[in-house]
C-alpha atoms as a PDB file:
ATOM      1  CA  UNK A   1      54.482 -45.516  32.269  1.00  0.00           C
ATOM      2  CA  UNK A   2      55.101 -41.577  30.740  1.00  0.00           C
ATOM      3  CA  UNK A   3      57.929 -40.237  28.743  1.00  0.00           C
ATOM      4  CA  UNK A   4      58.018 -36.559  29.818  1.00  0.00           C
ATOM      5  CA  UNK A   5      60.138 -33.427  29.090  1.00  0.00           C
ATOM      6  CA  UNK A   6      62.611 -33.143  32.079  1.00  0.00           C
ATOM      7  CA  UNK A   7      60.921 -29.241  31.964  1.00  0.00           C
ATOM      8  CA  UNK A   8      57.546 -31.460  32.871  1.00  0.00           C
ATOM      9  CA  UNK A   9      59.269 -33.191  35.787  1.00  0.00           C
ATOM     10  CA  UNK A  10      57.776 -32.551  39.355  1.00  0.00           C
ATOM     11  CA  UNK A  11      59.208 -33.591  42.792  1.00  0.00           C
ATOM     12  CA  UNK A  12      57.327 -36.570  43.922  1.00  0.00           C
ATOM     13  CA  UNK A  13      57.006 -38.304  40.685  1.00  0.00           C
ATOM     14  CA  UNK A  14      58.666 -41.681  40.509  1.00  0.00           C
ATOM     15  CA  UNK A  15      60.759 -42.830  37.867  1.00  0.00           C
ATOM     16  CA  UNK A  16      59.850 -46.016  35.781  1.00  0.00           C
ATOM     17  CA  UNK A  17      63.177 -46.627  34.252  1.00  0.00           C
ATOM     18  CA  UNK A  18      66.668 -46.043  34.896  1.00  0.00           C
ATOM     19  CA  UNK A  19      68.167 -42.499  33.789  1.00  0.00           C
ATOM     20  CA  UNK A  20      71.250 -42.075  31.572  1.00  0.00           C
ATOM     21  CA  UNK A  21      73.742 -39.309  30.962  1.00  0.00           C
ATOM     22  CA  UNK A  22      72.157 -37.313  28.147  1.00  0.00           C
ATOM     23  CA  UNK A  23      69.339 -39.637  27.547  1.00  0.00           C
ATOM     24  CA  UNK A  24      71.784 -42.111  26.120  1.00  0.00           C
ATOM     25  CA  UNK A  25      70.462 -46.005  26.859  1.00  0.00           C
ATOM     26  CA  UNK A  26      73.971 -47.106  27.394  1.00  0.00           C
ATOM     27  CA  UNK A  27      76.341 -47.064  29.922  1.00  0.00           C
ATOM     28  CA  UNK A  28      76.012 -46.775  33.793  1.00  0.00           C
ATOM     29  CA  UNK A  29      72.965 -45.291  34.772  1.00  0.00           C
ATOM     30  CA  UNK A  30      73.024 -42.154  36.689  1.00  0.00           C
ATOM     31  CA  UNK A  31      69.838 -42.512  38.757  1.00  0.00           C
ATOM     32  CA  UNK A  32      67.872 -45.777  38.787  1.00  0.00           C
ATOM     33  CA  UNK A  33      63.940 -46.903  38.156  1.00  0.00           C
ATOM     34  CA  UNK A  34      61.687 -46.321  41.356  1.00  0.00           C
ATOM     35  CA  UNK A  35      63.585 -43.183  42.648  1.00  0.00           C
ATOM     36  CA  UNK A  36      60.997 -40.523  43.800  1.00  0.00           C
ATOM     37  CA  UNK A  37      62.165 -36.983  42.213  1.00  0.00           C
ATOM     38  CA  UNK A  38      63.242 -34.145  44.189  1.00  0.00           C
ATOM     39  CA  UNK A  39      64.035 -30.673  42.863  1.00  0.00           C
ATOM     40  CA  UNK A  40      67.844 -31.101  43.996  1.00  0.00           C
ATOM     41  CA  UNK A  41      67.625 -34.126  41.677  1.00  0.00           C
ATOM     42  CA  UNK A  42      66.107 -32.591  38.575  1.00  0.00           C
ATOM     43  CA  UNK A  43      68.236 -29.895  38.385  1.00  0.00           C
ATOM     44  CA  UNK A  44      71.398 -32.554  38.592  1.00  0.00           C
ATOM     45  CA  UNK A  45      69.642 -34.127  35.566  1.00  0.00           C
ATOM     46  CA  UNK A  46      69.734 -30.710  33.894  1.00  0.00           C
ATOM     47  CA  UNK A  47      73.349 -30.073  34.649  1.00  0.00           C
ATOM     48  CA  UNK A  48      73.977 -33.876  33.077  1.00  0.00           C
ATOM     49  CA  UNK A  49      72.128 -32.813  29.736  1.00  0.00           C
ATOM     50  CA  UNK A  50      69.301 -35.267  30.435  1.00  0.00           C
ATOM     51  CA  UNK A  51      66.344 -34.498  28.154  1.00  0.00           C
ATOM     52  CA  UNK A  52      63.543 -36.273  29.007  1.00  0.00           C
ATOM     53  CA  UNK A  53      62.396 -39.071  31.706  1.00  0.00           C
ATOM     54  CA  UNK A  54      59.988 -41.975  32.299  1.00  0.00           C
ATOM     55  CA  UNK A  55      57.879 -41.875  34.889  1.00  0.00           C
ATOM     56  CA  UNK A  56      55.193 -44.018  36.599  1.00  0.00           C
ATOM     57  CA  UNK A  57      51.589 -43.646  35.682  1.00  0.00           C
ATOM     58  CA  UNK A  58      50.466 -40.739  33.536  1.00  0.00           C
ATOM     59  CA  UNK A  59      50.916 -37.623  35.614  1.00  0.00           C
ATOM     60  CA  UNK A  60      51.333 -34.940  32.995  1.00  0.00           C
ATOM     61  CA  UNK A  61      48.339 -34.228  30.631  1.00  0.00           C
ATOM     62  CA  UNK A  62      48.484 -32.291  27.462  1.00  0.00           C
ATOM     63  CA  UNK A  63      45.883 -30.239  25.568  1.00  0.00           C
ATOM     64  CA  UNK A  64      43.930 -32.248  23.147  1.00  0.00           C
ATOM     65  CA  UNK A  65      44.905 -35.601  24.505  1.00  0.00           C
ATOM     66  CA  UNK A  66      42.561 -38.091  24.925  1.00  0.00           C
ATOM     67  CA  UNK A  67      41.640 -39.535  28.669  1.00  0.00           C
ATOM     68  CA  UNK A  68      41.775 -42.751  29.961  1.00  0.00           C
ATOM     69  CA  UNK A  69      37.706 -42.892  29.925  1.00  0.00           C
ATOM     70  CA  UNK A  70      37.653 -42.155  26.437  1.00  0.00           C
ATOM     71  CA  UNK A  71      40.402 -44.532  25.613  1.00  0.00           C
ATOM     72  CA  UNK A  72      38.479 -47.542  27.207  1.00  0.00           C
ATOM     73  CA  UNK A  73      35.574 -46.265  25.965  1.00  0.00           C
ATOM     74  CA  UNK A  74      36.845 -46.643  22.496  1.00  0.00           C
ATOM     75  CA  UNK A  75      38.176 -50.133  22.841  1.00  0.00           C
ATOM     76  CA  UNK A  76      34.754 -50.916  24.498  1.00  0.00           C
ATOM     77  CA  UNK A  77      33.252 -50.068  21.205  1.00  0.00           C
ATOM     78  CA  UNK A  78      35.436 -51.683  18.838  1.00  0.00           C
ATOM     79  CA  UNK A  79      34.954 -54.846  20.798  1.00  0.00           C
ATOM     80  CA  UNK A  80      31.746 -54.769  21.622  1.00  0.00           C
ATOM     81  CA  UNK A  81      30.456 -57.149  18.613  1.00  0.00           C
ATOM     82  CA  UNK A  82      33.163 -59.594  19.113  1.00  0.00           C
ATOM     83  CA  UNK A  83      33.388 -60.105  23.138  1.00  0.00           C
ATOM     84  CA  UNK A  84      31.273 -63.864  22.506  1.00  0.00           C
ATOM     85  CA  UNK A  85      34.800 -65.161  21.225  1.00  0.00           C
ATOM     86  CA  UNK A  86      37.066 -66.244  24.133  1.00  0.00           C
ATOM     87  CA  UNK A  87      40.365 -65.148  21.919  1.00  0.00           C
ATOM     88  CA  UNK A  88      38.910 -61.760  21.695  1.00  0.00           C
ATOM     89  CA  UNK A  89      37.979 -61.579  25.641  1.00  0.00           C
ATOM     90  CA  UNK A  90      41.624 -62.201  26.037  1.00  0.00           C
ATOM     91  CA  UNK A  91      43.036 -59.433  24.167  1.00  0.00           C
ATOM     92  CA  UNK A  92      40.496 -56.964  25.517  1.00  0.00           C
ATOM     93  CA  UNK A  93      41.689 -57.951  28.740  1.00  0.00           C
ATOM     94  CA  UNK A  94      44.984 -57.391  27.873  1.00  0.00           C
ATOM     95  CA  UNK A  95      44.945 -54.492  26.180  1.00  0.00           C
ATOM     96  CA  UNK A  96      42.637 -53.137  28.862  1.00  0.00           C
ATOM     97  CA  UNK A  97      45.314 -53.994  31.359  1.00  0.00           C
ATOM     98  CA  UNK A  98      47.859 -52.546  29.340  1.00  0.00           C
ATOM     99  CA  UNK A  99      45.892 -49.299  29.076  1.00  0.00           C
ATOM    100  CA  UNK A 100      45.141 -49.207  33.016  1.00  0.00           C
ATOM    101  CA  UNK A 101      48.926 -49.471  33.759  1.00  0.00           C
ATOM    102  CA  UNK A 102      50.075 -47.192  31.007  1.00  0.00           C
ATOM    103  CA  UNK A 103      47.839 -44.580  31.697  1.00  0.00           C
ATOM    104  CA  UNK A 104      47.357 -44.896  35.572  1.00  0.00           C
ATOM    105  CA  UNK A 105      43.412 -44.964  34.816  1.00  0.00           C
ATOM    106  CA  UNK A 106      41.968 -41.851  36.225  1.00  0.00           C
ATOM    107  CA  UNK A 107      43.855 -41.810  39.705  1.00  0.00           C
ATOM    108  CA  UNK A 108      46.946 -40.461  38.351  1.00  0.00           C
ATOM    109  CA  UNK A 109      45.347 -37.428  36.448  1.00  0.00           C
ATOM    110  CA  UNK A 110      46.525 -34.383  38.140  1.00  0.00           C
ATOM    111  CA  UNK A 111      43.824 -31.533  38.478  1.00  0.00           C
ATOM    112  CA  UNK A 112      45.067 -28.923  35.623  1.00  0.00           C
END
């Protein structure tokens, strides 16, 4: 899941969280989690003062941002000396699953 400015949202992206008017996380949502964005929906959000949306995966890559592969490589290096400990193996698996879910692995990376 990635929080992005509305101006970077593109048709075809899927909302990972409900959207509220003016980004306030209270009240009634104006659009629900799991909704696929369209150009007209993005325009509606702009009219309702929505500044950011949370979308599934990690579709927007910014300059200088580290790739999924780099993050996993760093994690492997950090855990390399302690993977013989069962609790550290569990932590490693949990952290890697979180990275994969939040960053979408390499499969969600769009060509720049």
